[in-house]
PDB file of N, CA and C in Angstrom:
ATOM      1  N   MET A   1     162.225 -13.742 194.819  1.00  0.00           N
ATOM      2  CA  MET A   1     163.122 -13.844 194.595  1.00  0.00           C
ATOM      3  C   MET A   1     163.285 -12.225 193.512  1.00  0.00           C
ATOM      4  N   VAL A   2     163.877 -11.552 194.522  1.00  0.00           N
ATOM      5  CA  VAL A   2     164.442 -10.379 193.356  1.00  0.00           C
ATOM      6  C   VAL A   2     165.382 -10.519 192.805  1.00  0.00           C
ATOM      7  N   SER A   3     165.251 -10.781 191.414  1.00  0.00           N
ATOM      8  CA  SER A   3     167.311 -10.694 190.933  1.00  0.00           C
ATOM      9  C   SER A   3     167.333  -9.476 189.656  1.00  0.00           C
ATOM     10  N   GLY A   4     168.593  -9.374 189.590  1.00  0.00           N
ATOM     11  CA  GLY A   4     169.140  -8.346 188.816  1.00  0.00           C
ATOM     12  C   GLY A   4     170.395  -7.629 189.124  1.00  0.00           C
ATOM     13  N   PRO A   5     170.839  -6.623 187.760  1.00  0.00           N
ATOM     14  CA  PRO A   5     172.118  -6.780 188.623  1.00  0.00           C
ATOM     15  C   PRO A   5     172.195  -5.897 189.891  1.00  0.00           C
ATOM     16  N   TYR A   6     174.240  -6.208 190.153  1.00  0.00           N
ATOM     17  CA  TYR A   6     174.645  -5.669 191.048  1.00  0.00           C
ATOM     18  C   TYR A   6     175.917  -5.230 190.791  1.00  0.00           C
ATOM     19  N   ARG A   7     176.814  -6.249 190.273  1.00  0.00           N
ATOM     20  CA  ARG A   7     177.870  -5.860 189.816  1.00  0.00           C
ATOM     21  C   ARG A   7     177.863  -5.557 188.547  1.00  0.00           C
ATOM     22  N   SER A   8     177.166  -6.041 187.336  1.00  0.00           N
ATOM     23  CA  SER A   8     177.040  -6.267 186.475  1.00  0.00           C
ATOM     24  C   SER A   8     176.939  -4.232 185.906  1.00  0.00           C
ATOM     25  N   GLY A   9     178.085  -3.663 184.756  1.00  0.00           N
ATOM     26  CA  GLY A   9     177.835  -2.321 184.443  1.00  0.00           C
ATOM     27  C   GLY A   9     177.990  -1.388 185.498  1.00  0.00           C
ATOM     28  N   ALA A  10     178.290  -1.438 187.110  1.00  0.00           N
ATOM     29  CA  ALA A  10     178.614  -0.445 187.939  1.00  0.00           C
ATOM     30  C   ALA A  10     180.304  -0.835 188.452  1.00  0.00           C
ATOM     31  N   ALA A  11     180.656   0.555 187.982  1.00  0.00           N
ATOM     32  CA  ALA A  11     182.256   0.003 187.842  1.00  0.00           C
ATOM     33  C   ALA A  11     182.600   0.144 189.555  1.00  0.00           C
ATOM     34  N   THR A  12     181.570   1.160 190.467  1.00  0.00           N
ATOM     35  CA  THR A  12     181.722   1.836 191.441  1.00  0.00           C
ATOM     36  C   THR A  12     181.422   1.981 192.381  1.00  0.00           C
ATOM     37  N   ALA A  13     181.721   1.743 193.664  1.00  0.00           N
ATOM     38  CA  ALA A  13     180.235   1.866 194.890  1.00  0.00           C
ATOM     39  C   ALA A  13     179.453   2.085 194.432  1.00  0.00           C
ATOM     40  N   GLU A  14     178.944   3.847 194.508  1.00  0.00           N
ATOM     41  CA  GLU A  14     178.078   4.371 194.429  1.00  0.00           C
ATOM     42  C   GLU A  14     177.225   3.773 192.917  1.00  0.00           C
ATOM     43  N   ALA A  15     177.932   3.018 191.824  1.00  0.00           N
ATOM     44  CA  ALA A  15     176.502   2.680 190.998  1.00  0.00           C
ATOM     45  C   ALA A  15     176.462   0.859 191.842  1.00  0.00           C
ATOM     46  N   ARG A  16     176.796   0.412 192.042  1.00  0.00           N
ATOM     47  CA  ARG A  16     176.355  -1.046 192.640  1.00  0.00           C
ATOM     48  C   ARG A  16     175.736  -0.106 194.172  1.00  0.00           C
ATOM     49  N   ALA A  17     175.721   0.694 195.195  1.00  0.00           N
ATOM     50  CA  ALA A  17     174.703   0.913 195.604  1.00  0.00           C
ATOM     51  C   ALA A  17     172.965   1.354 194.706  1.00  0.00           C
ATOM     52  N   ARG A  18     173.554   2.109 194.039  1.00  0.00           N
ATOM     53  CA  ARG A  18     172.362   2.510 193.102  1.00  0.00           C
ATOM     54  C   ARG A  18     171.393   0.814 192.319  1.00  0.00           C
ATOM     55  N   ASN A  19     172.175   0.114 192.085  1.00  0.00           N
ATOM     56  CA  ASN A  19     171.771  -1.417 191.161  1.00  0.00           C
ATOM     57  C   ASN A  19     170.923  -1.954 192.989  1.00  0.00           C
ATOM     58  N   LEU A  20     171.848  -1.679 193.896  1.00  0.00           N
ATOM     59  CA  LEU A  20     170.785  -2.454 195.201  1.00  0.00           C
ATOM     60  C   LEU A  20     169.692  -2.064 195.671  1.00  0.00           C
ATOM     61  N   ALA A  21     169.757  -0.886 195.605  1.00  0.00           N
ATOM     62  CA  ALA A  21     168.265   0.350 195.850  1.00  0.00           C
ATOM     63  C   ALA A  21     167.573  -0.275 195.296  1.00  0.00           C
ATOM     64  N   GLU A  22     167.400  -0.655 193.661  1.00  0.00           N
ATOM     65  CA  GLU A  22     166.513  -0.671 192.814  1.00  0.00           C
ATOM     66  C   GLU A  22     165.972  -2.253 193.064  1.00  0.00           C
ATOM     67  N   LEU A  23     166.780  -2.932 193.540  1.00  0.00           N
ATOM     68  CA  LEU A  23     166.456  -4.319 194.309  1.00  0.00           C
ATOM     69  C   LEU A  23     165.651  -4.220 194.931  1.00  0.00           C
ATOM     70  N   ASN A  24     166.285  -3.086 196.278  1.00  0.00           N
ATOM     71  CA  ASN A  24     165.325  -3.169 197.239  1.00  0.00           C
ATOM     72  C   ASN A  24     164.032  -2.524 197.117  1.00  0.00           C
ATOM     73  N   ARG A  25     163.938  -1.871 196.170  1.00  0.00           N
ATOM     74  CA  ARG A  25     162.890  -1.156 196.078  1.00  0.00           C
ATOM     75  C   ARG A  25     161.780  -2.021 195.022  1.00  0.00           C
ATOM     76  N   ALA A  26     162.066  -2.368 194.573  1.00  0.00           N
ATOM     77  CA  ALA A  26     161.324  -3.866 194.104  1.00  0.00           C
ATOM     78  C   ALA A  26     160.848  -4.710 194.763  1.00  0.00           C
ATOM     79  N   ALA A  27     161.659  -5.136 195.979  1.00  0.00           N
ATOM     80  CA  ALA A  27     161.266  -6.141 197.348  1.00  0.00           C
ATOM     81  C   ALA A  27     160.335  -5.269 197.834  1.00  0.00           C
ATOM     82  N   LEU A  28     160.313  -4.045 197.647  1.00  0.00           N
ATOM     83  CA  LEU A  28     159.529  -3.213 199.223  1.00  0.00           C
ATOM     84  C   LEU A  28     158.247  -3.532 198.214  1.00  0.00           C
ATOM     85  N   ALA A  29     157.615  -3.100 197.222  1.00  0.00           N
ATOM     86  CA  ALA A  29     156.581  -3.211 196.546  1.00  0.00           C
ATOM     87  C   ALA A  29     156.040  -5.092 196.578  1.00  0.00           C
ATOM     88  N   LEU A  30     156.771  -6.197 196.586  1.00  0.00           N
ATOM     89  CA  LEU A  30     156.510  -6.897 196.585  1.00  0.00           C
ATOM     90  C   LEU A  30     155.928  -7.175 197.558  1.00  0.00           C
ATOM     91  N   PHE A  31     156.507  -7.052 198.756  1.00  0.00           N
ATOM     92  CA  PHE A  31     156.794  -6.974 200.083  1.00  0.00           C
ATOM     93  C   PHE A  31     155.159  -6.497 200.494  1.00  0.00           C
ATOM     94  N   ARG A  32     154.685  -5.194 199.983  1.00  0.00           N
ATOM     95  CA  ARG A  32     153.616  -4.223 200.288  1.00  0.00           C
ATOM     96  C   ARG A  32     151.950  -5.338 199.269  1.00  0.00           C
ATOM     97  N   ALA A  33     152.523  -6.135 198.504  1.00  0.00           N
ATOM     98  CA  ALA A  33     151.750  -6.940 197.648  1.00  0.00           C
ATOM     99  C   ALA A  33     151.477  -8.021 198.305  1.00  0.00           C
ATOM    100  N   GLY A  34     152.498  -8.345 199.711  1.00  0.00           N
ATOM    101  CA  GLY A  34     151.825  -9.503 200.092  1.00  0.00           C
ATOM    102  C   GLY A  34     152.177 -10.990 200.242  1.00  0.00           C
ATOM    103  N   HIS A  35     153.742 -10.789 199.496  1.00  0.00           N
ATOM    104  CA  HIS A  35     154.475 -11.825 199.284  1.00  0.00           C
ATOM    105  C   HIS A  35     155.615 -11.505 200.015  1.00  0.00           C
ATOM    106  N   VAL A  36     156.924 -12.029 200.316  1.00  0.00           N
ATOM    107  CA  VAL A  36     158.238 -12.448 200.609  1.00  0.00           C
ATOM    108  C   VAL A  36     159.299 -12.511 200.438  1.00  0.00           C
ATOM    109  N   PRO A  37     159.735 -10.748 199.757  1.00  0.00           N
ATOM    110  CA  PRO A  37     160.706 -11.282 198.686  1.00  0.00           C
ATOM    111  C   PRO A  37     161.555 -11.228 199.548  1.00  0.00           C
ATOM    112  N   VAL A  38     163.011 -11.797 199.049  1.00  0.00           N
ATOM    113  CA  VAL A  38     164.380 -11.873 199.080  1.00  0.00           C
ATOM    114  C   VAL A  38     165.505 -11.385 197.984  1.00  0.00           C
ATOM    115  N   ILE A  39     166.738 -10.977 197.798  1.00  0.00           N
ATOM    116  CA  ILE A  39     167.688 -10.926 197.230  1.00  0.00           C
ATOM    117  C   ILE A  39     168.299 -11.027 197.337  1.00  0.00           C
ATOM    118  N   GLY A  40     169.303 -12.346 196.857  1.00  0.00           N
ATOM    119  CA  GLY A  40     170.308 -12.870 197.171  1.00  0.00           C
ATOM    120  C   GLY A  40     171.790 -11.812 197.272  1.00  0.00           C
ATOM    121  N   VAL A  41     171.928 -10.718 196.690  1.00  0.00           N
ATOM    122  CA  VAL A  41     172.779  -9.734 197.121  1.00  0.00           C
ATOM    123  C   VAL A  41     172.825  -9.630 198.452  1.00  0.00           C
ATOM    124  N   ASN A  42     171.426  -8.856 198.946  1.00  0.00           N
ATOM    125  CA  ASN A  42     171.504  -8.726 200.416  1.00  0.00           C
ATOM    126  C   ASN A  42     171.685 -10.326 201.834  1.00  0.00           C
ATOM    127  N   LEU A  43     171.839 -10.806 200.997  1.00  0.00           N
ATOM    128  CA  LEU A  43     171.839 -12.196 202.222  1.00  0.00           C
ATOM    129  C   LEU A  43     173.506 -12.608 202.107  1.00  0.00           C
ATOM    130  N   ALA A  44     173.772 -12.237 200.917  1.00  0.00           N
ATOM    131  CA  ALA A  44     175.266 -12.926 200.377  1.00  0.00           C
ATOM    132  C   ALA A  44     176.682 -11.611 201.293  1.00  0.00           C
ATOM    133  N   LEU A  45     176.201  -9.832 201.059  1.00  0.00           N
ATOM    134  CA  LEU A  45     177.229  -9.077 201.539  1.00  0.00           C
ATOM    135  C   LEU A  45     177.563  -8.947 202.951  1.00  0.00           C
ATOM    136  N   PRO A  46     176.585  -9.438 204.079  1.00  0.00           N
ATOM    137  CA  PRO A  46     177.060  -9.111 205.181  1.00  0.00           C
ATOM    138  C   PRO A  46     178.028 -10.893 205.600  1.00  0.00           C
ATOM    139  N   LEU A  47     177.622 -11.710 204.271  1.00  0.00           N
ATOM    140  CA  LEU A  47     179.219 -12.855 204.857  1.00  0.00           C
ATOM    141  C   LEU A  47     180.239 -12.124 203.892  1.00  0.00           C
ATOM    142  N   ILE A  48     180.227 -11.633 202.865  1.00  0.00           N
ATOM    143  CA  ILE A  48     181.002 -11.047 202.377  1.00  0.00           C
ATOM    144  C   ILE A  48     182.305 -10.397 202.828  1.00  0.00           C
ATOM    145  N   GLU A  49     181.198  -8.959 203.671  1.00  0.00           N
ATOM    146  CA  GLU A  49     181.994  -8.470 204.599  1.00  0.00           C
ATOM    147  C   GLU A  49     183.069  -9.333 205.806  1.00  0.00           C
ATOM    148  N   ALA A  50     181.989 -10.144 206.772  1.00  0.00           N
ATOM    149  CA  ALA A  50     182.496 -10.872 206.907  1.00  0.00           C
ATOM    150  C   ALA A  50     184.210 -11.695 207.211  1.00  0.00           C
ATOM    151  N   ALA A  51     183.786 -12.045 205.945  1.00  0.00           N
ATOM    152  CA  ALA A  51     185.144 -13.069 204.890  1.00  0.00           C
ATOM    153  C   ALA A  51     185.966 -12.088 204.841  1.00  0.00           C
ATOM    154  N   GLY A  52     185.959 -10.794 204.270  1.00  0.00           N
ATOM    155  CA  GLY A  52     186.651 -10.040 202.946  1.00  0.00           C
ATOM    156  C   GLY A  52     186.439 -10.360 201.765  1.00  0.00           C
ATOM    157  N   GLU A  53     186.405  -9.046 201.021  1.00  0.00           N
ATOM    158  CA  GLU A  53     185.735  -8.662 199.677  1.00  0.00           C
ATOM    159  C   GLU A  53     186.608 -10.120 198.562  1.00  0.00           C
ATOM    160  N   ALA A  54     187.693 -10.746 199.118  1.00  0.00           N
ATOM    161  CA  ALA A  54     188.242 -11.840 198.165  1.00  0.00           C
ATOM    162  C   ALA A  54     187.166 -12.634 198.059  1.00  0.00           C
ATOM    163  N   ALA A  55     186.954 -12.764 198.948  1.00  0.00           N
ATOM    164  CA  ALA A  55     185.788 -14.065 199.064  1.00  0.00           C
ATOM    165  C   ALA A  55     183.861 -13.938 198.393  1.00  0.00           C
ATOM    166  N   PHE A  56     184.388 -12.963 197.616  1.00  0.00           N
ATOM    167  CA  PHE A  56     183.048 -12.023 197.107  1.00  0.00           C
ATOM    168  C   PHE A  56     182.421 -13.638 195.951  1.00  0.00           C
ATOM    169  N   ASP A  57     183.864 -14.078 195.149  1.00  0.00           N
ATOM    170  CA  ASP A  57     183.312 -14.946 193.769  1.00  0.00           C
ATOM    171  C   ASP A  57     182.868 -16.719 195.099  1.00  0.00           C
ATOM    172  N   GLU A  58     183.689 -17.043 195.995  1.00  0.00           N
ATOM    173  CA  GLU A  58     183.255 -18.139 196.353  1.00  0.00           C
ATOM    174  C   GLU A  58     181.387 -18.461 197.242  1.00  0.00           C
ATOM    175  N   ILE A  59     181.276 -17.044 197.251  1.00  0.00           N
ATOM    176  CA  ILE A  59     179.834 -16.659 198.320  1.00  0.00           C
ATOM    177  C   ILE A  59     179.151 -16.134 197.783  1.00  0.00           C
ATOM    178  N   MET A  60     178.743 -15.376 196.599  1.00  0.00           N
ATOM    179  CA  MET A  60     177.977 -13.972 196.157  1.00  0.00           C
ATOM    180  C   MET A  60     176.629 -15.375 194.868  1.00  0.00           C
ATOM    181  N   MET A  61     177.219 -15.787 193.934  1.00  0.00           N
ATOM    182  CA  MET A  61     176.380 -16.464 193.343  1.00  0.00           C
ATOM    183  C   MET A  61     176.126 -17.741 194.065  1.00  0.00           C
ATOM    184  N   PRO A  62     177.074 -18.775 194.786  1.00  0.00           N
ATOM    185  CA  PRO A  62     176.888 -19.658 194.838  1.00  0.00           C
ATOM    186  C   PRO A  62     175.329 -19.982 196.299  1.00  0.00           C
ATOM    187  N   LEU A  63     175.459 -18.939 196.975  1.00  0.00           N
ATOM    188  CA  LEU A  63     174.348 -18.512 198.182  1.00  0.00           C
ATOM    189  C   LEU A  63     173.017 -18.064 196.862  1.00  0.00           C
ATOM    190  N   SER A  64     173.422 -17.056 196.044  1.00  0.00           N
ATOM    191  CA  SER A  64     172.466 -16.577 195.303  1.00  0.00           C
ATOM    192  C   SER A  64     171.521 -18.345 194.623  1.00  0.00           C
ATOM    193  N   LEU A  65     172.124 -18.434 194.396  1.00  0.00           N
ATOM    194  CA  LEU A  65     172.214 -20.370 193.763  1.00  0.00           C
ATOM    195  C   LEU A  65     171.658 -21.123 194.562  1.00  0.00           C
ATOM    196  N   ARG A  66     171.772 -20.522 195.662  1.00  0.00           N
ATOM    197  CA  ARG A  66     170.668 -21.781 196.650  1.00  0.00           C
ATOM    198  C   ARG A  66     169.329 -21.320 196.938  1.00  0.00           C
ATOM    199  N   LEU A  67     169.492 -19.966 196.767  1.00  0.00           N
ATOM    200  CA  LEU A  67     168.290 -19.582 197.711  1.00  0.00           C
ATOM    201  C   LEU A  67     167.117 -19.627 196.470  1.00  0.00           C
ATOM    202  N   VAL A  68     167.778 -19.786 195.793  1.00  0.00           N
ATOM    203  CA  VAL A  68     166.993 -20.000 194.251  1.00  0.00           C
ATOM    204  C   VAL A  68     165.991 -21.333 194.576  1.00  0.00           C
ATOM    205  N   GLU A  69     166.560 -22.161 195.403  1.00  0.00           N
ATOM    206  CA  GLU A  69     166.252 -23.380 195.428  1.00  0.00           C
ATOM    207  C   GLU A  69     165.006 -23.655 196.264  1.00  0.00           C
ATOM    208  N   ARG A  70     164.838 -22.159 197.473  1.00  0.00           N
ATOM    209  CA  ARG A  70     164.431 -21.948 198.543  1.00  0.00           C
ATOM    210  C   ARG A  70     163.011 -20.631 197.448  1.00  0.00           C
ATOM    211  N   CYS A  71     162.775 -20.962 196.617  1.00  0.00           N
ATOM    212  CA  CYS A  71     161.818 -19.595 196.208  1.00  0.00           C
ATOM    213  C   CYS A  71     161.183 -19.736 195.381  1.00  0.00           C
ATOM    214  N   ASP A  72     159.617 -19.355 195.128  1.00  0.00           N
ATOM    215  CA  ASP A  72     158.761 -19.685 194.445  1.00  0.00           C
ATOM    216  C   ASP A  72     158.036 -19.504 192.949  1.00  0.00           C
ATOM    217  N   ALA A  73     158.765 -17.981 192.498  1.00  0.00           N
ATOM    218  CA  ALA A  73     158.873 -17.401 191.755  1.00  0.00           C
ATOM    219  C   ALA A  73     160.489 -16.369 191.311  1.00  0.00           C
ATOM    220  N   CYS A  74     160.324 -15.573 190.620  1.00  0.00           N
ATOM    221  CA  CYS A  74     161.225 -14.476 190.374  1.00  0.00           C
ATOM    222  C   CYS A  74     161.123 -13.571 189.656  1.00  0.00           C
ATOM    223  N   LEU A  75     160.969 -12.234 189.995  1.00  0.00           N
ATOM    224  CA  LEU A  75     161.425 -11.029 189.467  1.00  0.00           C
ATOM    225  C   LEU A  75     162.668 -10.497 188.757  1.00  0.00           C
ATOM    226  N   ARG A  76     162.750 -10.678 187.579  1.00  0.00           N
ATOM    227  CA  ARG A  76     164.011 -10.274 187.283  1.00  0.00           C
ATOM    228  C   ARG A  76     163.788  -8.611 186.702  1.00  0.00           C
ATOM    229  N   ILE A  77     164.933  -7.713 187.343  1.00  0.00           N
ATOM    230  CA  ILE A  77     164.597  -6.189 186.997  1.00  0.00           C
ATOM    231  C   ILE A  77     166.162  -6.123 186.021  1.00  0.00           C
ATOM    232  N   GLY A  78     165.865  -4.770 185.583  1.00  0.00           N
ATOM    233  CA  GLY A  78     167.255  -4.102 185.843  1.00  0.00           C
ATOM    234  C   GLY A  78     167.952  -4.814 184.159  1.00  0.00           C
ATOM    235  N   GLY A  79     168.992  -4.475 183.915  1.00  0.00           N
ATOM    236  CA  GLY A  79     169.426  -4.686 182.687  1.00  0.00           C
ATOM    237  C   GLY A  79     170.354  -6.087 182.791  1.00  0.00           C
ATOM    238  N   PRO A  80     171.577  -5.930 181.763  1.00  0.00           N
ATOM    239  CA  PRO A  80     172.360  -7.269 181.473  1.00  0.00           C
ATOM    240  C   PRO A  80     172.836  -7.482 183.265  1.00  0.00           C
ATOM    241  N   SER A  81     173.102  -8.866 182.847  1.00  0.00           N
ATOM    242  CA  SER A  81     173.801  -9.331 184.817  1.00  0.00           C
ATOM    243  C   SER A  81     173.854 -10.830 184.596  1.00  0.00           C
ATOM    244  N   ARG A  82     175.111 -11.835 184.042  1.00  0.00           N
ATOM    245  CA  ARG A  82     175.027 -12.938 183.950  1.00  0.00           C
ATOM    246  C   ARG A  82     174.843 -13.617 184.888  1.00  0.00           C
ATOM    247  N   GLY A  83     174.725 -13.401 186.698  1.00  0.00           N
ATOM    248  CA  GLY A  83     174.268 -13.773 187.438  1.00  0.00           C
ATOM    249  C   GLY A  83     173.073 -13.943 187.883  1.00  0.00           C
ATOM    250  N   ALA A  84     172.002 -12.685 187.749  1.00  0.00           N
ATOM    251  CA  ALA A  84     170.859 -12.810 187.305  1.00  0.00           C
ATOM    252  C   ALA A  84     170.262 -13.752 185.994  1.00  0.00           C
ATOM    253  N   ASP A  85     171.055 -13.522 185.145  1.00  0.00           N
ATOM    254  CA  ASP A  85     170.170 -14.456 184.206  1.00  0.00           C
ATOM    255  C   ASP A  85     171.151 -16.052 184.500  1.00  0.00           C
ATOM    256  N   GLU A  86     171.632 -16.618 185.518  1.00  0.00           N
ATOM    257  CA  GLU A  86     171.817 -17.604 185.594  1.00  0.00           C
ATOM    258  C   GLU A  86     170.660 -18.406 186.762  1.00  0.00           C
ATOM    259  N   GLU A  87     170.104 -17.401 187.860  1.00  0.00           N
ATOM    260  CA  GLU A  87     169.527 -17.385 188.875  1.00  0.00           C
ATOM    261  C   GLU A  87     167.995 -16.839 187.934  1.00  0.00           C
ATOM    262  N   THR A  88     167.507 -16.812 186.725  1.00  0.00           N
ATOM    263  CA  THR A  88     166.393 -16.870 185.974  1.00  0.00           C
ATOM    264  C   THR A  88     166.392 -18.542 185.802  1.00  0.00           C
ATOM    265  N   ALA A  89     167.454 -18.653 184.814  1.00  0.00           N
ATOM    266  CA  ALA A  89     167.850 -19.909 184.278  1.00  0.00           C
ATOM    267  C   ALA A  89     167.065 -21.260 185.167  1.00  0.00           C
ATOM    268  N   GLN A  90     167.741 -20.958 186.756  1.00  0.00           N
ATOM    269  CA  GLN A  90     167.445 -21.629 187.090  1.00  0.00           C
ATOM    270  C   GLN A  90     166.183 -22.229 187.598  1.00  0.00           C
ATOM    271  N   PHE A  91     165.640 -20.675 187.957  1.00  0.00           N
ATOM    272  CA  PHE A  91     163.720 -20.639 188.000  1.00  0.00           C
ATOM    273  C   PHE A  91     163.171 -21.305 187.084  1.00  0.00           C
ATOM    274  N   ARG A  92     163.877 -20.960 185.501  1.00  0.00           N
ATOM    275  CA  ARG A  92     162.717 -22.102 184.633  1.00  0.00           C
ATOM    276  C   ARG A  92     163.209 -22.805 183.743  1.00  0.00           C
ATOM    277  N   ALA A  93     164.187 -23.719 184.186  1.00  0.00           N
ATOM    278  CA  ALA A  93     164.302 -25.140 184.477  1.00  0.00           C
ATOM    279  C   ALA A  93     163.752 -25.765 185.161  1.00  0.00           C
ATOM    280  N   SER A  94     163.372 -25.378 186.429  1.00  0.00           N
ATOM    281  CA  SER A  94     161.992 -26.134 187.656  1.00  0.00           C
ATOM    282  C   SER A  94     160.884 -25.890 187.051  1.00  0.00           C
ATOM    283  N   GLY A  95     160.448 -25.415 186.206  1.00  0.00           N
ATOM    284  CA  GLY A  95     159.361 -25.087 185.922  1.00  0.00           C
ATOM    285  C   GLY A  95     158.694 -23.424 186.718  1.00  0.00           C
ATOM    286  N   ARG A  96     159.356 -22.763 187.501  1.00  0.00           N
ATOM    287  CA  ARG A  96     159.059 -22.289 188.308  1.00  0.00           C
ATOM    288  C   ARG A  96     158.869 -20.263 187.507  1.00  0.00           C
ATOM    289  N   PRO A  97     157.670 -19.826 188.337  1.00  0.00           N
ATOM    290  CA  PRO A  97     157.561 -18.842 187.104  1.00  0.00           C
ATOM    291  C   PRO A  97     158.741 -17.320 186.945  1.00  0.00           C
ATOM    292  N   VAL A  98     159.417 -17.216 186.201  1.00  0.00           N
ATOM    293  CA  VAL A  98     160.044 -15.432 185.904  1.00  0.00           C
ATOM    294  C   VAL A  98     159.304 -14.450 185.514  1.00  0.00           C
ATOM    295  N   TYR A  99     159.182 -13.143 186.360  1.00  0.00           N
ATOM    296  CA  TYR A  99     158.463 -12.181 186.045  1.00  0.00           C
ATOM    297  C   TYR A  99     159.180 -11.330 185.274  1.00  0.00           C
ATOM    298  N   ALA A 100     159.207 -10.737 184.326  1.00  0.00           N
ATOM    299  CA  ALA A 100     159.864  -9.409 183.556  1.00  0.00           C
ATOM    300  C   ALA A 100     159.669  -8.366 184.355  1.00  0.00           C
ATOM    301  N   ARG A 101     158.031  -7.759 184.779  1.00  0.00           N
ATOM    302  CA  ARG A 101     157.725  -6.925 185.274  1.00  0.00           C
ATOM    303  C   ARG A 101     156.920  -6.788 186.682  1.00  0.00           C
ATOM    304  N   LEU A 102     157.006  -5.998 187.719  1.00  0.00           N
ATOM    305  CA  LEU A 102     156.206  -6.107 188.423  1.00  0.00           C
ATOM    306  C   LEU A 102     154.798  -6.377 188.850  1.00  0.00           C
ATOM    307  N   GLY A 103     154.430  -5.016 187.577  1.00  0.00           N
ATOM    308  CA  GLY A 103     152.845  -5.775 187.281  1.00  0.00           C
ATOM    309  C   GLY A 103     152.787  -7.163 186.655  1.00  0.00           C
ATOM    310  N   GLU A 104     153.401  -8.038 186.584  1.00  0.00           N
ATOM    311  CA  GLU A 104     152.695  -9.442 186.144  1.00  0.00           C
ATOM    312  C   GLU A 104     153.048 -10.249 187.318  1.00  0.00           C
ATOM    313  N   VAL A 105     153.480  -9.858 188.357  1.00  0.00           N
ATOM    314  CA  VAL A 105     153.693 -10.600 189.448  1.00  0.00           C
ATOM    315  C   VAL A 105     152.368 -10.562 190.295  1.00  0.00           C
ATOM    316  N   PRO A 106     151.358 -11.582 190.287  1.00  0.00           N
ATOM    317  CA  PRO A 106     150.277 -11.660 191.257  1.00  0.00           C
ATOM    318  C   PRO A 106     149.868 -10.836 192.198  1.00  0.00           C
ATOM    319  N   GLY A 107     149.137  -9.967 192.592  1.00  0.00           N
ATOM    320  CA  GLY A 107     149.120  -9.013 193.851  1.00  0.00           C
ATOM    321  C   GLY A 107     149.489  -7.836 193.531  1.00  0.00           C
ATOM    322  N   ALA A 108     150.716  -8.147 192.578  1.00  0.00           N
ATOM    323  CA  ALA A 108     151.516  -7.008 192.603  1.00  0.00           C
ATOM    324  C   ALA A 108     151.144  -5.525 191.522  1.00  0.00           C
ATOM    325  N   ARG A 109     150.914  -4.445 191.389  1.00  0.00           N
ATOM    326  CA  ARG A 109     151.039  -3.389 191.008  1.00  0.00           C
ATOM    327  C   ARG A 109     152.082  -2.825 190.748  1.00  0.00           C
TER     328      ARG A 109
END
């Protein structure tokens, strides 16, 4: 799982798009290293779009935290994010690795 800020520190749609692009670039690097990367935001946004923006809190973190349960490890990127910190805490609590840099992930550069 790639975890990092999406809305945190991103007051505009453009800033959120930049954050998402950073998450996706990290996921692409992991994919090219032979992993199957997932990003909670990428799973949640289509559901939020279908339900309406008012459903953001109902869907975003609950879906992301359920996704954590199905992943082997986490790459935590970017700056401050309460949601990303919740995800990484769940990984650590279950004894699964959390990597701070792409180069720490087995097989990635």
